[in-house]
Amino acid sequence: MGRKTTKGFSLIELMIAVAIVAILAGIALPAYNNYIATSREAALASSIATINVFQEDYRLRTGAYAAGSYTDGAADANLAVLGWDPNEDGVDYVVTATAGTSYQVTATDSSGVAVCRAYPGGDQCP
């Protein structure tokens, strides 16, 4: 007589496969979240570098850096003199100038990621 063969997976095999997938997801998800946060910080740093170009141009014309904020898609009167328009939704910028010789820019996106740079130099804020 021939043996009867069964097709398919046993419950134990299925549970092992699910456990392996859960472990891989547990490792991959934090790495993915870190990747997303790093890319958001890089985008904010790039926008801040663009502000630096406008600030240096403004300083050459007036002898001082502009200070102000860019919130909800509009610059306040102090920052509007730069002529800079980032056209970015959900990113708020605050520019703080000190005695015309240096300034700081803090950019915060809608998810709460914030980047601060101090100029001249472009170093991270203390």
PDB file of N, CA and C in Angstrom:
ATOM      1  N   MET A   1       0.813  -1.166   0.000  1.00  0.00           N
ATOM      2  CA  MET A   1       0.000   0.000   0.000  1.00  0.00           C
ATOM      3  C   MET A   1       0.868   1.244   0.000  1.00  0.00           C
ATOM      4  N   GLY A   2       0.373   2.298  -0.640  1.00  0.00           N
ATOM      5  CA  GLY A   2       1.118   3.552  -0.694  1.00  0.00           C
ATOM      6  C   GLY A   2       0.822   4.442   0.510  1.00  0.00           C
ATOM      7  N   ARG A   3       1.758   5.310   0.760  1.00  0.00           N
ATOM      8  CA  ARG A   3       1.584   6.259   1.865  1.00  0.00           C
ATOM      9  C   ARG A   3       0.772   7.438   1.393  1.00  0.00           C
ATOM     10  N   LYS A   4      -0.010   7.953   2.267  1.00  0.00           N
ATOM     11  CA  LYS A   4      -0.815   9.143   1.963  1.00  0.00           C
ATOM     12  C   LYS A   4       0.029  10.385   2.256  1.00  0.00           C
ATOM     13  N   THR A   5       0.202  11.258   1.282  1.00  0.00           N
ATOM     14  CA  THR A   5       0.985  12.479   1.489  1.00  0.00           C
ATOM     15  C   THR A   5       0.039  13.643   1.725  1.00  0.00           C
ATOM     16  N   THR A   6       0.490  14.509   2.582  1.00  0.00           N
ATOM     17  CA  THR A   6      -0.302  15.708   2.857  1.00  0.00           C
ATOM     18  C   THR A   6       0.397  16.918   2.266  1.00  0.00           C
ATOM     19  N   LYS A   7      -0.382  17.865   1.880  1.00  0.00           N
ATOM     20  CA  LYS A   7       0.154  19.091   1.315  1.00  0.00           C
ATOM     21  C   LYS A   7      -0.154  20.241   2.265  1.00  0.00           C
ATOM     22  N   GLY A   8       0.766  21.244   2.294  1.00  0.00           N
ATOM     23  CA  GLY A   8       0.542  22.411   3.126  1.00  0.00           C
ATOM     24  C   GLY A   8       1.542  22.493   4.263  1.00  0.00           C
ATOM     25  N   PHE A   9       1.313  23.459   5.133  1.00  0.00           N
ATOM     26  CA  PHE A   9       2.208  23.710   6.251  1.00  0.00           C
ATOM     27  C   PHE A   9       1.551  23.278   7.543  1.00  0.00           C
ATOM     28  N   SER A  10       2.368  22.844   8.459  1.00  0.00           N
ATOM     29  CA  SER A  10       1.833  22.543   9.779  1.00  0.00           C
ATOM     30  C   SER A  10       1.704  23.853  10.558  1.00  0.00           C
ATOM     31  N   LEU A  11       0.986  23.795  11.636  1.00  0.00           N
ATOM     32  CA  LEU A  11       0.793  24.986  12.463  1.00  0.00           C
ATOM     33  C   LEU A  11       2.116  25.472  13.035  1.00  0.00           C
ATOM     34  N   ILE A  12       2.985  24.603  13.419  1.00  0.00           N
ATOM     35  CA  ILE A  12       4.296  24.978  13.968  1.00  0.00           C
ATOM     36  C   ILE A  12       5.118  25.705  12.912  1.00  0.00           C
ATOM     37  N   GLU A  13       5.136  25.200  11.688  1.00  0.00           N
ATOM     38  CA  GLU A  13       5.896  25.858  10.607  1.00  0.00           C
ATOM     39  C   GLU A  13       5.357  27.260  10.344  1.00  0.00           C
ATOM     40  N   LEU A  14       4.059  27.392  10.349  1.00  0.00           N
ATOM     41  CA  LEU A  14       3.446  28.703  10.133  1.00  0.00           C
ATOM     42  C   LEU A  14       3.777  29.668  11.261  1.00  0.00           C
ATOM     43  N   MET A  15       3.766  29.196  12.497  1.00  0.00           N
ATOM     44  CA  MET A  15       4.087  30.053  13.637  1.00  0.00           C
ATOM     45  C   MET A  15       5.556  30.490  13.600  1.00  0.00           C
ATOM     46  N   ILE A  16       6.438  29.603  13.186  1.00  0.00           N
ATOM     47  CA  ILE A  16       7.851  29.961  13.067  1.00  0.00           C
ATOM     48  C   ILE A  16       8.036  31.031  11.997  1.00  0.00           C
ATOM     49  N   ALA A  17       7.362  30.893  10.870  1.00  0.00           N
ATOM     50  CA  ALA A  17       7.468  31.881   9.801  1.00  0.00           C
ATOM     51  C   ALA A  17       6.951  33.250  10.255  1.00  0.00           C
ATOM     52  N   VAL A  18       5.843  33.260  10.973  1.00  0.00           N
ATOM     53  CA  VAL A  18       5.294  34.516  11.494  1.00  0.00           C
ATOM     54  C   VAL A  18       6.250  35.141  12.503  1.00  0.00           C
ATOM     55  N   ALA A  19       6.866  34.349  13.345  1.00  0.00           N
ATOM     56  CA  ALA A  19       7.815  34.868  14.334  1.00  0.00           C
ATOM     57  C   ALA A  19       9.030  35.482  13.653  1.00  0.00           C
ATOM     58  N   ILE A  20       9.520  34.848  12.599  1.00  0.00           N
ATOM     59  CA  ILE A  20      10.668  35.392  11.861  1.00  0.00           C
ATOM     60  C   ILE A  20      10.311  36.727  11.223  1.00  0.00           C
ATOM     61  N   VAL A  21       9.138  36.813  10.625  1.00  0.00           N
ATOM     62  CA  VAL A  21       8.699  38.076  10.013  1.00  0.00           C
ATOM     63  C   VAL A  21       8.557  39.161  11.082  1.00  0.00           C
ATOM     64  N   ALA A  22       8.039  38.823  12.250  1.00  0.00           N
ATOM     65  CA  ALA A  22       7.879  39.806  13.334  1.00  0.00           C
ATOM     66  C   ALA A  22       9.235  40.304  13.822  1.00  0.00           C
ATOM     67  N   ILE A  23      10.205  39.423  13.920  1.00  0.00           N
ATOM     68  CA  ILE A  23      11.544  39.837  14.352  1.00  0.00           C
ATOM     69  C   ILE A  23      12.172  40.765  13.324  1.00  0.00           C
ATOM     70  N   LEU A  24      12.047  40.409  12.059  1.00  0.00           N
ATOM     71  CA  LEU A  24      12.605  41.269  11.004  1.00  0.00           C
ATOM     72  C   LEU A  24      11.927  42.644  10.988  1.00  0.00           C
ATOM     73  N   ALA A  25      10.624  42.669  11.192  1.00  0.00           N
ATOM     74  CA  ALA A  25       9.906  43.954  11.232  1.00  0.00           C
ATOM     75  C   ALA A  25      10.343  44.770  12.443  1.00  0.00           C
ATOM     76  N   GLY A  26      10.581  44.103  13.559  1.00  0.00           N
ATOM     77  CA  GLY A  26      11.038  44.802  14.763  1.00  0.00           C
ATOM     78  C   GLY A  26      12.413  45.426  14.586  1.00  0.00           C
ATOM     79  N   ILE A  27      13.227  44.845  13.743  1.00  0.00           N
ATOM     80  CA  ILE A  27      14.556  45.403  13.469  1.00  0.00           C
ATOM     81  C   ILE A  27      14.473  46.497  12.401  1.00  0.00           C
ATOM     82  N   ALA A  28      13.655  46.276  11.387  1.00  0.00           N
ATOM     83  CA  ALA A  28      13.600  47.197  10.253  1.00  0.00           C
ATOM     84  C   ALA A  28      12.860  48.492  10.571  1.00  0.00           C
ATOM     85  N   LEU A  29      11.826  48.452  11.362  1.00  0.00           N
ATOM     86  CA  LEU A  29      11.025  49.654  11.622  1.00  0.00           C
ATOM     87  C   LEU A  29      11.814  50.772  12.298  1.00  0.00           C
ATOM     88  N   PRO A  30      12.571  50.507  13.357  1.00  0.00           N
ATOM     89  CA  PRO A  30      13.372  51.593  13.935  1.00  0.00           C
ATOM     90  C   PRO A  30      14.420  52.150  12.958  1.00  0.00           C
ATOM     91  N   ALA A  31      15.017  51.287  12.159  1.00  0.00           N
ATOM     92  CA  ALA A  31      15.990  51.751  11.174  1.00  0.00           C
ATOM     93  C   ALA A  31      15.314  52.655  10.145  1.00  0.00           C
ATOM     94  N   TYR A  32      14.109  52.297   9.725  1.00  0.00           N
ATOM     95  CA  TYR A  32      13.367  53.118   8.768  1.00  0.00           C
ATOM     96  C   TYR A  32      12.993  54.460   9.381  1.00  0.00           C
ATOM     97  N   ASN A  33      12.538  54.465  10.622  1.00  0.00           N
ATOM     98  CA  ASN A  33      12.188  55.721  11.289  1.00  0.00           C
ATOM     99  C   ASN A  33      13.400  56.628  11.427  1.00  0.00           C
ATOM    100  N   ASN A  34      14.557  56.061  11.728  1.00  0.00           N
ATOM    101  CA  ASN A  34      15.791  56.834  11.805  1.00  0.00           C
ATOM    102  C   ASN A  34      16.146  57.431  10.450  1.00  0.00           C
ATOM    103  N   TYR A  35      15.951  56.669   9.401  1.00  0.00           N
ATOM    104  CA  TYR A  35      16.205  57.140   8.037  1.00  0.00           C
ATOM    105  C   TYR A  35      15.303  58.321   7.697  1.00  0.00           C
ATOM    106  N   ILE A  36      14.046  58.236   8.051  1.00  0.00           N
ATOM    107  CA  ILE A  36      13.095  59.320   7.777  1.00  0.00           C
ATOM    108  C   ILE A  36      13.489  60.573   8.555  1.00  0.00           C
ATOM    109  N   ALA A  37      13.828  60.444   9.820  1.00  0.00           N
ATOM    110  CA  ALA A  37      14.221  61.604  10.628  1.00  0.00           C
ATOM    111  C   ALA A  37      15.482  62.251  10.072  1.00  0.00           C
ATOM    112  N   THR A  38      16.441  61.436   9.649  1.00  0.00           N
ATOM    113  CA  THR A  38      17.679  61.975   9.089  1.00  0.00           C
ATOM    114  C   THR A  38      17.406  62.733   7.795  1.00  0.00           C
ATOM    115  N   SER A  39      16.517  62.210   6.966  1.00  0.00           N
ATOM    116  CA  SER A  39      16.211  62.900   5.712  1.00  0.00           C
ATOM    117  C   SER A  39      15.470  64.212   5.965  1.00  0.00           C
ATOM    118  N   ARG A  40      14.609  64.254   6.972  1.00  0.00           N
ATOM    119  CA  ARG A  40      13.930  65.512   7.317  1.00  0.00           C
ATOM    120  C   ARG A  40      14.927  66.549   7.814  1.00  0.00           C
ATOM    121  N   GLU A  41      15.876  66.119   8.641  1.00  0.00           N
ATOM    122  CA  GLU A  41      16.902  67.045   9.129  1.00  0.00           C
ATOM    123  C   GLU A  41      17.755  67.570   7.980  1.00  0.00           C
ATOM    124  N   ALA A  42      18.084  66.720   7.027  1.00  0.00           N
ATOM    125  CA  ALA A  42      18.882  67.151   5.879  1.00  0.00           C
ATOM    126  C   ALA A  42      18.123  68.160   5.019  1.00  0.00           C
ATOM    127  N   ALA A  43      16.833  67.959   4.843  1.00  0.00           N
ATOM    128  CA  ALA A  43      16.030  68.912   4.070  1.00  0.00           C
ATOM    129  C   ALA A  43      15.957  70.264   4.772  1.00  0.00           C
ATOM    130  N   LEU A  44      15.797  70.251   6.095  1.00  0.00           N
ATOM    131  CA  LEU A  44      15.761  71.505   6.845  1.00  0.00           C
ATOM    132  C   LEU A  44      17.114  72.211   6.794  1.00  0.00           C
ATOM    133  N   ALA A  45      18.203  71.457   6.916  1.00  0.00           N
ATOM    134  CA  ALA A  45      19.542  72.055   6.850  1.00  0.00           C
ATOM    135  C   ALA A  45      19.793  72.673   5.486  1.00  0.00           C
ATOM    136  N   SER A  46      19.287  72.052   4.435  1.00  0.00           N
ATOM    137  CA  SER A  46      19.431  72.608   3.089  1.00  0.00           C
ATOM    138  C   SER A  46      18.676  73.932   2.953  1.00  0.00           C
ATOM    139  N   SER A  47      17.481  73.993   3.497  1.00  0.00           N
ATOM    140  CA  SER A  47      16.716  75.244   3.465  1.00  0.00           C
ATOM    141  C   SER A  47      17.413  76.343   4.254  1.00  0.00           C
ATOM    142  N   ILE A  48      18.004  75.972   5.386  1.00  0.00           N
ATOM    143  CA  ILE A  48      18.725  76.952   6.195  1.00  0.00           C
ATOM    144  C   ILE A  48      19.941  77.470   5.434  1.00  0.00           C
ATOM    145  N   ALA A  49      20.611  76.600   4.689  1.00  0.00           N
ATOM    146  CA  ALA A  49      21.755  77.040   3.885  1.00  0.00           C
ATOM    147  C   ALA A  49      21.323  78.042   2.821  1.00  0.00           C
ATOM    148  N   THR A  50      20.121  77.879   2.302  1.00  0.00           N
ATOM    149  CA  THR A  50      19.595  78.841   1.325  1.00  0.00           C
ATOM    150  C   THR A  50      19.349  80.192   1.992  1.00  0.00           C
ATOM    151  N   ILE A  51      18.840  80.175   3.216  1.00  0.00           N
ATOM    152  CA  ILE A  51      18.635  81.425   3.947  1.00  0.00           C
ATOM    153  C   ILE A  51      19.970  82.153   4.103  1.00  0.00           C
ATOM    154  N   ASN A  52      21.037  81.410   4.327  1.00  0.00           N
ATOM    155  CA  ASN A  52      22.352  82.016   4.505  1.00  0.00           C
ATOM    156  C   ASN A  52      22.749  82.846   3.280  1.00  0.00           C
ATOM    157  N   VAL A  53      22.457  82.361   2.095  1.00  0.00           N
ATOM    158  CA  VAL A  53      22.784  83.109   0.875  1.00  0.00           C
ATOM    159  C   VAL A  53      22.050  84.445   0.868  1.00  0.00           C
ATOM    160  N   PHE A  54      20.772  84.417   1.209  1.00  0.00           N
ATOM    161  CA  PHE A  54      19.990  85.655   1.247  1.00  0.00           C
ATOM    162  C   PHE A  54      20.465  86.584   2.362  1.00  0.00           C
ATOM    163  N   GLN A  55      20.823  86.011   3.506  1.00  0.00           N
ATOM    164  CA  GLN A  55      21.318  86.825   4.629  1.00  0.00           C
ATOM    165  C   GLN A  55      22.627  87.529   4.264  1.00  0.00           C
ATOM    166  N   GLU A  56      23.540  86.813   3.629  1.00  0.00           N
ATOM    167  CA  GLU A  56      24.816  87.430   3.259  1.00  0.00           C
ATOM    168  C   GLU A  56      24.614  88.542   2.231  1.00  0.00           C
ATOM    169  N   ASP A  57      23.706  88.327   1.294  1.00  0.00           N
ATOM    170  CA  ASP A  57      23.383  89.379   0.324  1.00  0.00           C
ATOM    171  C   ASP A  57      22.809  90.597   1.035  1.00  0.00           C
ATOM    172  N   TYR A  58      21.894  90.369   1.978  1.00  0.00           N
ATOM    173  CA  TYR A  58      21.287  91.462   2.722  1.00  0.00           C
ATOM    174  C   TYR A  58      22.331  92.209   3.555  1.00  0.00           C
ATOM    175  N   ARG A  59      23.257  91.472   4.157  1.00  0.00           N
ATOM    176  CA  ARG A  59      24.309  92.110   4.965  1.00  0.00           C
ATOM    177  C   ARG A  59      25.234  92.964   4.100  1.00  0.00           C
ATOM    178  N   LEU A  60      25.535  92.512   2.896  1.00  0.00           N
ATOM    179  CA  LEU A  60      26.368  93.318   1.999  1.00  0.00           C
ATOM    180  C   LEU A  60      25.687  94.632   1.630  1.00  0.00           C
ATOM    181  N   ARG A  61      24.367  94.584   1.502  1.00  0.00           N
ATOM    182  CA  ARG A  61      23.621  95.800   1.135  1.00  0.00           C
ATOM    183  C   ARG A  61      23.368  96.732   2.310  1.00  0.00           C
ATOM    184  N   THR A  62      23.166  96.166   3.522  1.00  0.00           N
ATOM    185  CA  THR A  62      22.741  97.008   4.653  1.00  0.00           C
ATOM    186  C   THR A  62      23.731  97.051   5.811  1.00  0.00           C
ATOM    187  N   GLY A  63      24.638  96.103   5.874  1.00  0.00           N
ATOM    188  CA  GLY A  63      25.598  96.069   6.971  1.00  0.00           C
ATOM    189  C   GLY A  63      25.141  95.291   8.185  1.00  0.00           C
ATOM    190  N   ALA A  64      23.974  94.672   8.119  1.00  0.00           N
ATOM    191  CA  ALA A  64      23.466  93.894   9.252  1.00  0.00           C
ATOM    192  C   ALA A  64      22.655  92.712   8.737  1.00  0.00           C
ATOM    193  N   TYR A  65      22.464  91.741   9.606  1.00  0.00           N
ATOM    194  CA  TYR A  65      21.622  90.589   9.270  1.00  0.00           C
ATOM    195  C   TYR A  65      20.173  90.882   9.643  1.00  0.00           C
ATOM    196  N   ALA A  66      19.256  90.295   8.882  1.00  0.00           N
ATOM    197  CA  ALA A  66      17.833  90.440   9.183  1.00  0.00           C
ATOM    198  C   ALA A  66      17.433  89.397  10.225  1.00  0.00           C
ATOM    199  N   ALA A  67      16.436  89.730  11.014  1.00  0.00           N
ATOM    200  CA  ALA A  67      15.895  88.801  12.002  1.00  0.00           C
ATOM    201  C   ALA A  67      14.389  88.779  11.860  1.00  0.00           C
ATOM    202  N   GLY A  68      13.789  87.677  12.214  1.00  0.00           N
ATOM    203  CA  GLY A  68      12.339  87.577  12.126  1.00  0.00           C
ATOM    204  C   GLY A  68      11.912  86.133  12.058  1.00  0.00           C
ATOM    205  N   SER A  69      10.702  85.913  11.553  1.00  0.00           N
ATOM    206  CA  SER A  69      10.192  84.555  11.480  1.00  0.00           C
ATOM    207  C   SER A  69       9.410  84.353  10.196  1.00  0.00           C
ATOM    208  N   TYR A  70       9.331  83.113   9.800  1.00  0.00           N
ATOM    209  CA  TYR A  70       8.544  82.691   8.648  1.00  0.00           C
ATOM    210  C   TYR A  70       7.624  81.597   9.154  1.00  0.00           C
ATOM    211  N   THR A  71       6.362  81.932   9.334  1.00  0.00           N
ATOM    212  CA  THR A  71       5.410  81.017   9.934  1.00  0.00           C
ATOM    213  C   THR A  71       4.149  80.944   9.082  1.00  0.00           C
ATOM    214  N   ASP A  72       3.613  79.743   8.961  1.00  0.00           N
ATOM    215  CA  ASP A  72       2.362  79.514   8.226  1.00  0.00           C
ATOM    216  C   ASP A  72       2.409  80.072   6.809  1.00  0.00           C
ATOM    217  N   GLY A  73       3.531  79.929   6.153  1.00  0.00           N
ATOM    218  CA  GLY A  73       3.635  80.316   4.748  1.00  0.00           C
ATOM    219  C   GLY A  73       3.862  81.790   4.495  1.00  0.00           C
ATOM    220  N   ALA A  74       4.132  82.586   5.520  1.00  0.00           N
ATOM    221  CA  ALA A  74       4.352  84.015   5.321  1.00  0.00           C
ATOM    222  C   ALA A  74       5.463  84.514   6.227  1.00  0.00           C
ATOM    223  N   ALA A  75       6.303  85.362   5.667  1.00  0.00           N
ATOM    224  CA  ALA A  75       7.383  85.965   6.450  1.00  0.00           C
ATOM    225  C   ALA A  75       6.866  87.218   7.141  1.00  0.00           C
ATOM    226  N   ASP A  76       7.357  87.488   8.358  1.00  0.00           N
ATOM    227  CA  ASP A  76       7.006  88.753   8.987  1.00  0.00           C
ATOM    228  C   ASP A  76       7.767  89.874   8.273  1.00  0.00           C
ATOM    229  N   ALA A  77       7.441  91.101   8.597  1.00  0.00           N
ATOM    230  CA  ALA A  77       8.012  92.255   7.875  1.00  0.00           C
ATOM    231  C   ALA A  77       9.531  92.308   7.986  1.00  0.00           C
ATOM    232  N   ASN A  78      10.085  91.909   9.119  1.00  0.00           N
ATOM    233  CA  ASN A  78      11.536  91.965   9.298  1.00  0.00           C
ATOM    234  C   ASN A  78      12.273  90.972   8.406  1.00  0.00           C
ATOM    235  N   LEU A  79      11.703  89.805   8.206  1.00  0.00           N
ATOM    236  CA  LEU A  79      12.348  88.782   7.391  1.00  0.00           C
ATOM    237  C   LEU A  79      11.983  88.899   5.913  1.00  0.00           C
ATOM    238  N   ALA A  80      10.882  89.543   5.609  1.00  0.00           N
ATOM    239  CA  ALA A  80      10.452  89.701   4.219  1.00  0.00           C
ATOM    240  C   ALA A  80      11.448  90.522   3.404  1.00  0.00           C
ATOM    241  N   VAL A  81      12.243  91.362   4.057  1.00  0.00           N
ATOM    242  CA  VAL A  81      13.212  92.200   3.338  1.00  0.00           C
ATOM    243  C   VAL A  81      14.278  91.360   2.644  1.00  0.00           C
ATOM    244  N   LEU A  82      14.460  90.103   3.060  1.00  0.00           N
ATOM    245  CA  LEU A  82      15.443  89.242   2.408  1.00  0.00           C
ATOM    246  C   LEU A  82      15.022  88.861   0.992  1.00  0.00           C
ATOM    247  N   GLY A  83      13.712  88.822   0.745  1.00  0.00           N
ATOM    248  CA  GLY A  83      13.223  88.386  -0.547  1.00  0.00           C
ATOM    249  C   GLY A  83      13.232  86.876  -0.688  1.00  0.00           C
ATOM    250  N   TRP A  84      13.347  86.178   0.426  1.00  0.00           N
ATOM    251  CA  TRP A  84      13.405  84.721   0.419  1.00  0.00           C
ATOM    252  C   TRP A  84      12.026  84.142   0.643  1.00  0.00           C
ATOM    253  N   ASP A  85      11.643  83.189  -0.195  1.00  0.00           N
ATOM    254  CA  ASP A  85      10.349  82.519  -0.070  1.00  0.00           C
ATOM    255  C   ASP A  85      10.566  81.021  -0.240  1.00  0.00           C
ATOM    256  N   PRO A  86      10.560  80.249   0.843  1.00  0.00           N
ATOM    257  CA  PRO A  86      10.893  78.828   0.740  1.00  0.00           C
ATOM    258  C   PRO A  86       9.821  77.965   0.084  1.00  0.00           C
ATOM    259  N   ASN A  87       8.585  78.436   0.041  1.00  0.00           N
ATOM    260  CA  ASN A  87       7.489  77.662  -0.541  1.00  0.00           C
ATOM    261  C   ASN A  87       7.401  76.251   0.031  1.00  0.00           C
ATOM    262  N   GLU A  88       7.524  76.115   1.321  1.00  0.00           N
ATOM    263  CA  GLU A  88       7.434  74.813   1.979  1.00  0.00           C
ATOM    264  C   GLU A  88       6.269  74.820   2.954  1.00  0.00           C
ATOM    265  N   ASP A  89       5.457  73.820   2.847  1.00  0.00           N
ATOM    266  CA  ASP A  89       4.326  73.703   3.763  1.00  0.00           C
ATOM    267  C   ASP A  89       4.761  73.104   5.083  1.00  0.00           C
ATOM    268  N   GLY A  90       4.303  73.691   6.153  1.00  0.00           N
ATOM    269  CA  GLY A  90       4.510  73.112   7.456  1.00  0.00           C
ATOM    270  C   GLY A  90       5.870  73.338   8.084  1.00  0.00           C
ATOM    271  N   VAL A  91       6.707  74.196   7.507  1.00  0.00           N
ATOM    272  CA  VAL A  91       8.016  74.461   8.097  1.00  0.00           C
ATOM    273  C   VAL A  91       8.032  75.902   8.606  1.00  0.00           C
ATOM    274  N   ASP A  92       8.381  76.055   9.878  1.00  0.00           N
ATOM    275  CA  ASP A  92       8.483  77.380  10.487  1.00  0.00           C
ATOM    276  C   ASP A  92       9.952  77.709  10.694  1.00  0.00           C
ATOM    277  N   TYR A  93      10.331  78.944  10.404  1.00  0.00           N
ATOM    278  CA  TYR A  93      11.709  79.399  10.562  1.00  0.00           C
ATOM    279  C   TYR A  93      11.733  80.575  11.531  1.00  0.00           C
ATOM    280  N   VAL A  94      12.729  80.581  12.402  1.00  0.00           N
ATOM    281  CA  VAL A  94      12.948  81.710  13.296  1.00  0.00           C
ATOM    282  C   VAL A  94      14.409  82.126  13.131  1.00  0.00           C
ATOM    283  N   VAL A  95      14.610  83.399  12.777  1.00  0.00           N
ATOM    284  CA  VAL A  95      15.959  83.934  12.582  1.00  0.00           C
ATOM    285  C   VAL A  95      16.214  84.954  13.677  1.00  0.00           C
ATOM    286  N   THR A  96      17.300  84.734  14.435  1.00  0.00           N
ATOM    287  CA  THR A  96      17.676  85.633  15.517  1.00  0.00           C
ATOM    288  C   THR A  96      19.040  86.219  15.206  1.00  0.00           C
ATOM    289  N   ALA A  97      19.112  87.542  15.044  1.00  0.00           N
ATOM    290  CA  ALA A  97      20.387  88.207  14.756  1.00  0.00           C
ATOM    291  C   ALA A  97      20.924  88.858  16.015  1.00  0.00           C
ATOM    292  N   THR A  98      22.262  88.861  16.140  1.00  0.00           N
ATOM    293  CA  THR A  98      22.889  89.487  17.302  1.00  0.00           C
ATOM    294  C   THR A  98      23.881  90.541  16.838  1.00  0.00           C
ATOM    295  N   ALA A  99      23.594  91.762  17.107  1.00  0.00           N
ATOM    296  CA  ALA A  99      24.478  92.906  16.869  1.00  0.00           C
ATOM    297  C   ALA A  99      25.012  92.986  15.440  1.00  0.00           C
ATOM    298  N   GLY A 100      24.280  92.414  14.497  1.00  0.00           N
ATOM    299  CA  GLY A 100      24.679  92.534  13.100  1.00  0.00           C
ATOM    300  C   GLY A 100      25.886  91.710  12.705  1.00  0.00           C
ATOM    301  N   THR A 101      26.460  90.949  13.634  1.00  0.00           N
ATOM    302  CA  THR A 101      27.662  90.192  13.302  1.00  0.00           C
ATOM    303  C   THR A 101      27.418  88.695  13.179  1.00  0.00           C
ATOM    304  N   SER A 102      26.320  88.202  13.705  1.00  0.00           N
ATOM    305  CA  SER A 102      26.006  86.781  13.608  1.00  0.00           C
ATOM    306  C   SER A 102      24.499  86.594  13.717  1.00  0.00           C
ATOM    307  N   TYR A 103      24.066  85.397  13.375  1.00  0.00           N
ATOM    308  CA  TYR A 103      22.641  85.087  13.503  1.00  0.00           C
ATOM    309  C   TYR A 103      22.456  83.589  13.615  1.00  0.00           C
ATOM    310  N   GLN A 104      21.293  83.192  14.088  1.00  0.00           N
ATOM    311  CA  GLN A 104      20.902  81.785  14.207  1.00  0.00           C
ATOM    312  C   GLN A 104      19.608  81.585  13.460  1.00  0.00           C
ATOM    313  N   VAL A 105      19.479  80.425  12.835  1.00  0.00           N
ATOM    314  CA  VAL A 105      18.238  80.048  12.168  1.00  0.00           C
ATOM    315  C   VAL A 105      17.776  78.719  12.744  1.00  0.00           C
ATOM    316  N   THR A 106      16.530  78.677  13.188  1.00  0.00           N
ATOM    317  CA  THR A 106      15.922  77.448  13.659  1.00  0.00           C
ATOM    318  C   THR A 106      14.761  77.119  12.741  1.00  0.00           C
ATOM    319  N   ALA A 107      14.793  75.917  12.154  1.00  0.00           N
ATOM    320  CA  ALA A 107      13.721  75.447  11.281  1.00  0.00           C
ATOM    321  C   ALA A 107      13.047  74.266  11.947  1.00  0.00           C
ATOM    322  N   THR A 108      11.707  74.299  11.997  1.00  0.00           N
ATOM    323  CA  THR A 108      10.932  73.230  12.620  1.00  0.00           C
ATOM    324  C   THR A 108       9.844  72.800  11.654  1.00  0.00           C
ATOM    325  N   ASP A 109       9.811  71.505  11.308  1.00  0.00           N
ATOM    326  CA  ASP A 109       8.772  71.046  10.390  1.00  0.00           C
ATOM    327  C   ASP A 109       7.523  70.615  11.148  1.00  0.00           C
ATOM    328  N   SER A 110       6.497  70.237  10.410  1.00  0.00           N
ATOM    329  CA  SER A 110       5.203  69.927  11.023  1.00  0.00           C
ATOM    330  C   SER A 110       5.242  68.686  11.912  1.00  0.00           C
ATOM    331  N   SER A 111       6.233  67.826  11.733  1.00  0.00           N
ATOM    332  CA  SER A 111       6.328  66.634  12.576  1.00  0.00           C
ATOM    333  C   SER A 111       7.117  66.891  13.853  1.00  0.00           C
ATOM    334  N   GLY A 112       7.651  68.112  14.006  1.00  0.00           N
ATOM    335  CA  GLY A 112       8.372  68.460  15.223  1.00  0.00           C
ATOM    336  C   GLY A 112       9.880  68.341  15.117  1.00  0.00           C
ATOM    337  N   VAL A 113      10.396  67.914  13.965  1.00  0.00           N
ATOM    338  CA  VAL A 113      11.840  67.831  13.777  1.00  0.00           C
ATOM    339  C   VAL A 113      12.379  69.253  13.652  1.00  0.00           C
ATOM    340  N   ALA A 114      13.417  69.581  14.414  1.00  0.00           N
ATOM    341  CA  ALA A 114      13.981  70.928  14.403  1.00  0.00           C
ATOM    342  C   ALA A 114      15.482  70.874  14.141  1.00  0.00           C
ATOM    343  N   VAL A 115      15.949  71.855  13.371  1.00  0.00           N
ATOM    344  CA  VAL A 115      17.378  72.001  13.077  1.00  0.00           C
ATOM    345  C   VAL A 115      17.738  73.452  13.337  1.00  0.00           C
ATOM    346  N   CYS A 116      18.860  73.684  14.011  1.00  0.00           N
ATOM    347  CA  CYS A 116      19.319  75.042  14.300  1.00  0.00           C
ATOM    348  C   CYS A 116      20.759  75.174  13.833  1.00  0.00           C
ATOM    349  N   ARG A 117      21.048  76.270  13.117  1.00  0.00           N
ATOM    350  CA  ARG A 117      22.404  76.550  12.656  1.00  0.00           C
ATOM    351  C   ARG A 117      22.767  77.977  13.034  1.00  0.00           C
ATOM    352  N   ALA A 118      24.040  78.177  13.411  1.00  0.00           N
ATOM    353  CA  ALA A 118      24.556  79.494  13.775  1.00  0.00           C
ATOM    354  C   ALA A 118      25.503  79.955  12.665  1.00  0.00           C
ATOM    355  N   TYR A 119      25.334  81.185  12.247  1.00  0.00           N
ATOM    356  CA  TYR A 119      26.173  81.761  11.183  1.00  0.00           C
ATOM    357  C   TYR A 119      26.868  83.003  11.693  1.00  0.00           C
ATOM    358  N   PRO A 120      28.015  83.387  11.166  1.00  0.00           N
ATOM    359  CA  PRO A 120      28.684  82.704  10.062  1.00  0.00           C
ATOM    360  C   PRO A 120      29.305  81.398  10.528  1.00  0.00           C
ATOM    361  N   GLY A 121      29.446  80.485   9.598  1.00  0.00           N
ATOM    362  CA  GLY A 121      30.045  79.196   9.877  1.00  0.00           C
ATOM    363  C   GLY A 121      29.117  78.031   9.634  1.00  0.00           C
ATOM    364  N   GLY A 122      27.847  78.167   9.934  1.00  0.00           N
ATOM    365  CA  GLY A 122      26.883  77.097   9.727  1.00  0.00           C
ATOM    366  C   GLY A 122      26.952  75.968  10.738  1.00  0.00           C
ATOM    367  N   ASP A 123      27.546  76.247  11.906  1.00  0.00           N
ATOM    368  CA  ASP A 123      27.652  75.219  12.936  1.00  0.00           C
ATOM    369  C   ASP A 123      26.308  75.013  13.623  1.00  0.00           C
ATOM    370  N   GLN A 124      26.151  73.852  14.269  1.00  0.00           N
ATOM    371  CA  GLN A 124      24.945  73.628  15.044  1.00  0.00           C
ATOM    372  C   GLN A 124      24.894  74.610  16.197  1.00  0.00           C
ATOM    373  N   CYS A 125      23.688  75.024  16.530  1.00  0.00           N
ATOM    374  CA  CYS A 125      23.522  75.983  17.626  1.00  0.00           C
ATOM    375  C   CYS A 125      23.963  75.352  18.938  1.00  0.00           C
ATOM    376  N   PRO A 126      24.511  76.200  19.813  1.00  0.00           N
ATOM    377  CA  PRO A 126      24.940  75.672  21.120  1.00  0.00           C
ATOM    378  C   PRO A 126      23.747  75.308  21.993  1.00  0.00           C
TER     379      PRO A 126
END
